[in-house]
Each structure stands twice: as C-alpha cells, then as structure tokens.
Amino acid sequence: MDEATSKKKGSPWWYLLALIPLIGTLFPAFYSSVTPTLWGIPFFYWYQMLWVIISSLVTFVMYLALKEN
C-alpha cells in the first residue's frame, strides 16, 4: 500500500465521531422532561435542537479530517 492510497482513505477512527450524536439522542427516557426550560422551551425540545447543532459541528469536523487534499 503506497502513501497516496493510504492518504486518500483517511483514518477510519474519524467515523466514530458520528456515534456521539447517536448516543446523545438514543435514550429518550433520559431527556423526556419539561424542566429545565430554556427561554420557555421545555427541555425535551431544546435538548434535541442542541443535538442538531452538535451533529452539524461533528459532521464538519469529520469533513475537514477526511477530505482529500
């Protein structure tokens, strides 16, 4: 395996970052409550929306790490 081939594939460990949002939203019993509220929004809703932002950031980091130079 030459250097160009190994560099093109990237490290498979970066793909494990995709598990972070999955684990954060996998158990709804953990976050299915009304309190604490954030600006009047129940915890159940703002917690999920926070994971949308976190997922976007994780995807961006994975993109930067795995893109071809």
C-alpha atoms as a PDB file:
ATOM      1  CA  MET A   1       0.000   0.000   0.000  1.00  0.00           C
ATOM      2  CA  ASP A   2       1.621   3.242  -1.066  1.00  0.00           C
ATOM      3  CA  GLU A   3       1.378   6.613   0.631  1.00  0.00           C
ATOM      4  CA  ALA A   4      -1.128   8.093  -1.838  1.00  0.00           C
ATOM      5  CA  THR A   5      -3.593   5.235  -1.333  1.00  0.00           C
ATOM      6  CA  SER A   6      -3.415   5.344   2.454  1.00  0.00           C
ATOM      7  CA  LYS A   7      -3.710   9.134   2.490  1.00  0.00           C
ATOM      8  CA  LYS A   8      -6.781   9.033   0.238  1.00  0.00           C
ATOM      9  CA  LYS A   9      -8.757   6.706   2.513  1.00  0.00           C
ATOM     10  CA  GLY A  10      -8.247   8.588   5.776  1.00  0.00           C
ATOM     11  CA  SER A  11      -8.369   7.065   9.201  1.00  0.00           C
ATOM     12  CA  PRO A  12     -11.461   5.014   9.983  1.00  0.00           C
ATOM     13  CA  TRP A  13     -11.343   6.316  13.559  1.00  0.00           C
ATOM     14  CA  TRP A  14     -12.820   9.636  12.420  1.00  0.00           C
ATOM     15  CA  TYR A  15     -16.070   7.841  11.581  1.00  0.00           C
ATOM     16  CA  LEU A  16     -16.552   7.005  15.248  1.00  0.00           C
ATOM     17  CA  LEU A  17     -17.361  10.681  15.839  1.00  0.00           C
ATOM     18  CA  ALA A  18     -20.704  10.009  14.164  1.00  0.00           C
ATOM     19  CA  LEU A  19     -21.637   7.907  17.198  1.00  0.00           C
ATOM     20  CA  ILE A  20     -21.616  10.943  19.502  1.00  0.00           C
ATOM     21  CA  PRO A  21     -24.966  12.382  18.304  1.00  0.00           C
ATOM     22  CA  LEU A  22     -26.436   8.895  18.094  1.00  0.00           C
ATOM     23  CA  ILE A  23     -25.629   8.118  21.714  1.00  0.00           C
ATOM     24  CA  GLY A  24     -26.789  11.589  22.827  1.00  0.00           C
ATOM     25  CA  THR A  25     -30.274  11.004  21.422  1.00  0.00           C
ATOM     26  CA  LEU A  26     -30.573   7.241  21.716  1.00  0.00           C
ATOM     27  CA  PHE A  27     -32.393   7.140  25.056  1.00  0.00           C
ATOM     28  CA  PRO A  28     -35.426   9.475  25.077  1.00  0.00           C
ATOM     29  CA  ALA A  29     -36.221   8.480  28.653  1.00  0.00           C
ATOM     30  CA  PHE A  30     -33.123  10.460  29.674  1.00  0.00           C
ATOM     31  CA  TYR A  31     -34.360  13.749  28.217  1.00  0.00           C
ATOM     32  CA  SER A  32     -38.149  13.400  28.200  1.00  0.00           C
ATOM     33  CA  SER A  33     -38.926  16.053  30.773  1.00  0.00           C
ATOM     34  CA  VAL A  34     -40.260  19.582  30.807  1.00  0.00           C
ATOM     35  CA  THR A  35     -37.718  21.060  33.191  1.00  0.00           C
ATOM     36  CA  PRO A  36     -35.283  22.720  32.927  1.00  0.00           C
ATOM     37  CA  THR A  37     -36.724  25.175  30.452  1.00  0.00           C
ATOM     38  CA  LEU A  38     -34.627  27.461  28.297  1.00  0.00           C
ATOM     39  CA  TRP A  39     -36.379  30.734  27.363  1.00  0.00           C
ATOM     40  CA  GLY A  40     -39.706  28.999  27.963  1.00  0.00           C
ATOM     41  CA  ILE A  41     -38.846  25.995  25.752  1.00  0.00           C
ATOM     42  CA  PRO A  42     -39.163  22.614  27.507  1.00  0.00           C
ATOM     43  CA  PHE A  43     -36.002  20.550  27.953  1.00  0.00           C
ATOM     44  CA  PHE A  44     -37.267  17.817  25.620  1.00  0.00           C
ATOM     45  CA  TYR A  45     -37.282  20.200  22.654  1.00  0.00           C
ATOM     46  CA  TRP A  46     -34.192  22.298  23.251  1.00  0.00           C
ATOM     47  CA  TYR A  47     -32.087  19.234  24.053  1.00  0.00           C
ATOM     48  CA  GLN A  48     -32.913  17.733  20.653  1.00  0.00           C
ATOM     49  CA  MET A  49     -32.281  21.016  18.861  1.00  0.00           C
ATOM     50  CA  LEU A  50     -28.926  21.294  20.618  1.00  0.00           C
ATOM     51  CA  TRP A  51     -28.021  17.915  19.131  1.00  0.00           C
ATOM     52  CA  VAL A  52     -28.843  19.218  15.657  1.00  0.00           C
ATOM     53  CA  ILE A  53     -26.152  21.867  16.142  1.00  0.00           C
ATOM     54  CA  ILE A  54     -23.710  19.379  17.686  1.00  0.00           C
ATOM     55  CA  SER A  55     -24.322  16.946  14.817  1.00  0.00           C
ATOM     56  CA  SER A  56     -23.556  19.670  12.304  1.00  0.00           C
ATOM     57  CA  LEU A  57     -20.302  20.502  14.063  1.00  0.00           C
ATOM     58  CA  VAL A  58     -19.296  16.836  14.243  1.00  0.00           C
ATOM     59  CA  THR A  59     -20.061  16.424  10.542  1.00  0.00           C
ATOM     60  CA  PHE A  60     -17.960  19.495   9.723  1.00  0.00           C
ATOM     61  CA  VAL A  61     -15.017  18.202  11.751  1.00  0.00           C
ATOM     62  CA  MET A  62     -15.275  14.829  10.014  1.00  0.00           C
ATOM     63  CA  TYR A  63     -15.409  16.569   6.637  1.00  0.00           C
ATOM     64  CA  LEU A  64     -12.252  18.546   7.365  1.00  0.00           C
ATOM     65  CA  ALA A  65     -10.442  15.475   8.657  1.00  0.00           C
ATOM     66  CA  LEU A  66     -11.417  13.175   5.810  1.00  0.00           C
ATOM     67  CA  LYS A  67     -11.468  15.435   2.757  1.00  0.00           C
ATOM     68  CA  GLU A  68      -8.922  14.823   0.052  1.00  0.00           C
ATOM     69  CA  ASN A  69      -6.132  17.361  -0.177  1.00  0.00           C
END
